[in-house]
C-alpha cells in the first residue's frame, strides 16, 4: 500500500513517484517485457527495401508519459518519431500505447533497457540480441 501497488488501481502516481531513479530503466524494461513489443521488419518502397523499427509500450497515459519523459531525459528518443495513442480505439477503456519508431530510437532504447541488465524476459532479450546482430549485418552489406 505504501507504494501504491495493488490490483485494479487506476491512479499510478504513487507507484511512479516511489521508483528510485537508479531503477527507473529496470521498471521500464519490466513494462516492455510485460505489456509491450518491439520488432524490425522490411518493406518495399518504390522498388527499394526499407528497414522499419518499432517499440510499443502499453499502459495508462500517466505511465506512458513517465516512460517518455525518462527516455527524453537521457536523450534516447527524439521528438519526431514517437506518439501516445489509444491502443484499441474501438473499445472502451483507458489503455494506451507509446509508439517509438526509427532505427536509432529503437536500438538506443533497447540498448538502454537490456545492456548490462540481469533480469528480463528471455524471449524478448533474445529478440533484442537478434535484432541488434541483424542490424550489424545490414550495415556491413
C-alpha atoms as a PDB file:
ATOM      1  CA  UNK A   1       0.000   0.000   0.000  1.00  0.00           C
ATOM      2  CA  UNK A   2       2.914   2.341   0.779  1.00  0.00           C
ATOM      3  CA  UNK A   3       3.993   2.238  -2.878  1.00  0.00           C
ATOM      4  CA  UNK A   4       0.550   2.147  -4.471  1.00  0.00           C
ATOM      5  CA  UNK A   5       0.862  -1.469  -5.550  1.00  0.00           C
ATOM      6  CA  UNK A   6      -2.496  -3.212  -5.544  1.00  0.00           C
ATOM      7  CA  UNK A   7      -4.750  -4.822  -8.129  1.00  0.00           C
ATOM      8  CA  UNK A   8      -7.120  -2.820 -10.314  1.00  0.00           C
ATOM      9  CA  UNK A   9      -5.544   0.528  -9.489  1.00  0.00           C
ATOM     10  CA  UNK A  10      -6.388   3.420 -11.731  1.00  0.00           C
ATOM     11  CA  UNK A  11      -4.064   6.008 -10.223  1.00  0.00           C
ATOM     12  CA  UNK A  12      -0.420   5.006 -10.517  1.00  0.00           C
ATOM     13  CA  UNK A  13       1.086   8.333  -9.466  1.00  0.00           C
ATOM     14  CA  UNK A  14       2.032   6.959  -6.033  1.00  0.00           C
ATOM     15  CA  UNK A  15       3.838   3.996  -7.594  1.00  0.00           C
ATOM     16  CA  UNK A  16       5.701   6.148 -10.133  1.00  0.00           C
ATOM     17  CA  UNK A  17       6.766   8.682  -7.529  1.00  0.00           C
ATOM     18  CA  UNK A  18       8.429   5.921  -5.436  1.00  0.00           C
ATOM     19  CA  UNK A  19      10.623   4.425  -8.172  1.00  0.00           C
ATOM     20  CA  UNK A  20      14.237   5.280  -7.311  1.00  0.00           C
ATOM     21  CA  UNK A  21      15.972   6.926 -10.263  1.00  0.00           C
ATOM     22  CA  UNK A  22      18.627   4.178 -10.408  1.00  0.00           C
ATOM     23  CA  UNK A  23      15.849   1.609 -11.028  1.00  0.00           C
ATOM     24  CA  UNK A  24      13.662   3.549 -13.454  1.00  0.00           C
ATOM     25  CA  UNK A  25      15.010   1.750 -16.541  1.00  0.00           C
ATOM     26  CA  UNK A  26      14.621  -1.630 -14.821  1.00  0.00           C
ATOM     27  CA  UNK A  27      10.994  -0.662 -14.233  1.00  0.00           C
ATOM     28  CA  UNK A  28      10.574   0.431 -17.860  1.00  0.00           C
ATOM     29  CA  UNK A  29      12.127  -2.847 -19.064  1.00  0.00           C
ATOM     30  CA  UNK A  30       9.571  -4.673 -16.913  1.00  0.00           C
ATOM     31  CA  UNK A  31       6.759  -2.711 -18.575  1.00  0.00           C
ATOM     32  CA  UNK A  32       8.131  -3.612 -22.015  1.00  0.00           C
ATOM     33  CA  UNK A  33       8.584  -7.265 -21.068  1.00  0.00           C
ATOM     34  CA  UNK A  34       5.096  -7.467 -19.540  1.00  0.00           C
ATOM     35  CA  UNK A  35       2.992  -5.331 -21.843  1.00  0.00           C
ATOM     36  CA  UNK A  36       4.950  -4.154 -24.839  1.00  0.00           C
ATOM     37  CA  UNK A  37       6.602  -5.321 -28.004  1.00  0.00           C
ATOM     38  CA  UNK A  38       9.257  -4.392 -30.498  1.00  0.00           C
ATOM     39  CA  UNK A  39      10.081  -5.532 -33.999  1.00  0.00           C
ATOM     40  CA  UNK A  40      12.225  -4.964 -37.027  1.00  0.00           C
ATOM     41  CA  UNK A  41      10.842  -5.664 -40.487  1.00  0.00           C
ATOM     42  CA  UNK A  42      11.406  -4.696 -44.085  1.00  0.00           C
ATOM     43  CA  UNK A  43       9.023  -3.253 -46.635  1.00  0.00           C
ATOM     44  CA  UNK A  44       9.331  -2.446 -50.295  1.00  0.00           C
ATOM     45  CA  UNK A  45       9.050   1.260 -51.059  1.00  0.00           C
ATOM     46  CA  UNK A  46       9.187   2.167 -54.742  1.00  0.00           C
ATOM     47  CA  UNK A  47      11.414  -0.778 -55.523  1.00  0.00           C
ATOM     48  CA  UNK A  48      13.743  -0.252 -52.548  1.00  0.00           C
ATOM     49  CA  UNK A  49      13.864  -2.405 -49.439  1.00  0.00           C
ATOM     50  CA  UNK A  50      13.356  -0.227 -46.360  1.00  0.00           C
ATOM     51  CA  UNK A  51      14.091  -1.380 -42.800  1.00  0.00           C
ATOM     52  CA  UNK A  52      11.468  -0.419 -40.196  1.00  0.00           C
ATOM     53  CA  UNK A  53      11.867  -0.480 -36.408  1.00  0.00           C
ATOM     54  CA  UNK A  54       9.170  -0.034 -33.767  1.00  0.00           C
ATOM     55  CA  UNK A  55       8.645  -0.338 -29.996  1.00  0.00           C
ATOM     56  CA  UNK A  56       5.257  -0.118 -28.297  1.00  0.00           C
ATOM     57  CA  UNK A  57       4.754   0.210 -24.537  1.00  0.00           C
ATOM     58  CA  UNK A  58       1.215  -0.356 -23.250  1.00  0.00           C
ATOM     59  CA  UNK A  59      -0.499   1.209 -20.255  1.00  0.00           C
ATOM     60  CA  UNK A  60      -2.201   4.282 -18.879  1.00  0.00           C
ATOM     61  CA  UNK A  61      -1.380   7.730 -20.262  1.00  0.00           C
ATOM     62  CA  UNK A  62       0.337   8.606 -16.973  1.00  0.00           C
ATOM     63  CA  UNK A  63       2.606   5.541 -17.139  1.00  0.00           C
ATOM     64  CA  UNK A  64       3.448   6.213 -20.782  1.00  0.00           C
ATOM     65  CA  UNK A  65       4.291   9.862 -20.097  1.00  0.00           C
ATOM     66  CA  UNK A  66       6.588   8.673 -17.276  1.00  0.00           C
ATOM     67  CA  UNK A  67       8.381   6.333 -19.712  1.00  0.00           C
ATOM     68  CA  UNK A  68       8.527   9.001 -22.416  1.00  0.00           C
ATOM     69  CA  UNK A  69       9.964  11.595 -20.002  1.00  0.00           C
ATOM     70  CA  UNK A  70      12.626   9.218 -18.658  1.00  0.00           C
ATOM     71  CA  UNK A  71      13.728   8.370 -22.207  1.00  0.00           C
ATOM     72  CA  UNK A  72      13.826  12.055 -23.147  1.00  0.00           C
ATOM     73  CA  UNK A  73      15.951  12.840 -20.056  1.00  0.00           C
ATOM     74  CA  UNK A  74      18.737  10.575 -21.323  1.00  0.00           C
ATOM     75  CA  UNK A  75      18.352  11.606 -24.989  1.00  0.00           C
ATOM     76  CA  UNK A  76      17.259   8.116 -26.009  1.00  0.00           C
ATOM     77  CA  UNK A  77      14.380   9.352 -28.178  1.00  0.00           C
ATOM     78  CA  UNK A  78      13.657  12.388 -30.302  1.00  0.00           C
ATOM     79  CA  UNK A  79      10.510  14.489 -30.647  1.00  0.00           C
ATOM     80  CA  UNK A  80       9.561  13.375 -34.126  1.00  0.00           C
ATOM     81  CA  UNK A  81       9.289   9.602 -34.072  1.00  0.00           C
ATOM     82  CA  UNK A  82       7.024   8.950 -31.067  1.00  0.00           C
ATOM     83  CA  UNK A  83       3.363   9.234 -30.119  1.00  0.00           C
ATOM     84  CA  UNK A  84       0.874   8.205 -27.463  1.00  0.00           C
ATOM     85  CA  UNK A  85      -2.459   6.940 -28.763  1.00  0.00           C
ATOM     86  CA  UNK A  86      -5.371   4.780 -27.694  1.00  0.00           C
ATOM     87  CA  UNK A  87      -4.392   1.166 -28.274  1.00  0.00           C
ATOM     88  CA  UNK A  88      -7.818  -0.089 -29.311  1.00  0.00           C
ATOM     89  CA  UNK A  89      -9.851   2.986 -30.327  1.00  0.00           C
ATOM     90  CA  UNK A  90     -12.939   0.868 -30.981  1.00  0.00           C
ATOM     91  CA  UNK A  91     -13.025  -0.440 -27.394  1.00  0.00           C
ATOM     92  CA  UNK A  92     -13.888   1.256 -24.142  1.00  0.00           C
ATOM     93  CA  UNK A  93     -11.230   1.626 -21.524  1.00  0.00           C
ATOM     94  CA  UNK A  94      -8.196   3.639 -20.655  1.00  0.00           C
ATOM     95  CA  UNK A  95      -5.499   1.573 -22.379  1.00  0.00           C
ATOM     96  CA  UNK A  96      -2.971   3.447 -24.475  1.00  0.00           C
ATOM     97  CA  UNK A  97       0.317   2.800 -26.232  1.00  0.00           C
ATOM     98  CA  UNK A  98       3.526   4.756 -26.576  1.00  0.00           C
ATOM     99  CA  UNK A  99       4.947   4.057 -30.020  1.00  0.00           C
ATOM    100  CA  UNK A 100       8.570   4.741 -30.849  1.00  0.00           C
ATOM    101  CA  UNK A 101       9.896   4.276 -34.350  1.00  0.00           C
ATOM    102  CA  UNK A 102      13.085   4.726 -36.241  1.00  0.00           C
ATOM    103  CA  UNK A 103      16.218   2.633 -36.187  1.00  0.00           C
ATOM    104  CA  UNK A 104      18.226   4.951 -33.956  1.00  0.00           C
ATOM    105  CA  UNK A 105      15.409   5.411 -31.412  1.00  0.00           C
ATOM    106  CA  UNK A 106      14.567   1.725 -31.163  1.00  0.00           C
ATOM    107  CA  UNK A 107      18.107   0.387 -30.913  1.00  0.00           C
ATOM    108  CA  UNK A 108      19.104   3.098 -28.436  1.00  0.00           C
ATOM    109  CA  UNK A 109      16.109   2.414 -26.162  1.00  0.00           C
ATOM    110  CA  UNK A 110      16.564  -1.357 -26.321  1.00  0.00           C
ATOM    111  CA  UNK A 111      20.271  -0.988 -25.570  1.00  0.00           C
ATOM    112  CA  UNK A 112      19.464   1.234 -22.615  1.00  0.00           C
ATOM    113  CA  UNK A 113      16.975  -1.304 -21.273  1.00  0.00           C
ATOM    114  CA  UNK A 114      18.766  -4.597 -21.961  1.00  0.00           C
ATOM    115  CA  UNK A 115      22.530  -3.925 -21.965  1.00  0.00           C
ATOM    116  CA  UNK A 116      24.084  -4.740 -18.572  1.00  0.00           C
ATOM    117  CA  UNK A 117      20.758  -5.986 -17.180  1.00  0.00           C
ATOM    118  CA  UNK A 118      20.433  -9.282 -15.370  1.00  0.00           C
ATOM    119  CA  UNK A 119      16.649  -9.559 -15.120  1.00  0.00           C
ATOM    120  CA  UNK A 120      14.497  -9.700 -18.239  1.00  0.00           C
ATOM    121  CA  UNK A 121      12.112 -11.880 -20.174  1.00  0.00           C
ATOM    122  CA  UNK A 122      14.429 -14.259 -22.042  1.00  0.00           C
ATOM    123  CA  UNK A 123      12.475 -14.353 -25.295  1.00  0.00           C
ATOM    124  CA  UNK A 124      12.422 -10.553 -25.573  1.00  0.00           C
ATOM    125  CA  UNK A 125      16.105 -10.261 -24.672  1.00  0.00           C
ATOM    126  CA  UNK A 126      16.937 -12.877 -27.322  1.00  0.00           C
ATOM    127  CA  UNK A 127      14.814 -10.968 -29.829  1.00  0.00           C
ATOM    128  CA  UNK A 128      16.747  -7.775 -28.994  1.00  0.00           C
ATOM    129  CA  UNK A 129      20.105  -9.559 -29.485  1.00  0.00           C
ATOM    130  CA  UNK A 130      18.936 -10.967 -32.832  1.00  0.00           C
ATOM    131  CA  UNK A 131      17.702  -7.539 -33.904  1.00  0.00           C
ATOM    132  CA  UNK A 132      20.964  -5.871 -32.887  1.00  0.00           C
ATOM    133  CA  UNK A 133      23.089  -8.522 -34.624  1.00  0.00           C
ATOM    134  CA  UNK A 134      20.864  -8.422 -37.694  1.00  0.00           C
ATOM    135  CA  UNK A 135      21.235  -4.652 -37.785  1.00  0.00           C
ATOM    136  CA  UNK A 136      25.032  -5.030 -37.655  1.00  0.00           C
ATOM    137  CA  UNK A 137      24.852  -7.411 -40.604  1.00  0.00           C
ATOM    138  CA  UNK A 138      22.702  -4.948 -42.561  1.00  0.00           C
ATOM    139  CA  UNK A 139      25.213  -2.160 -42.021  1.00  0.00           C
ATOM    140  CA  UNK A 140      28.091  -4.366 -43.226  1.00  0.00           C
ATOM    141  CA  UNK A 141      26.498  -5.100 -46.599  1.00  0.00           C
END
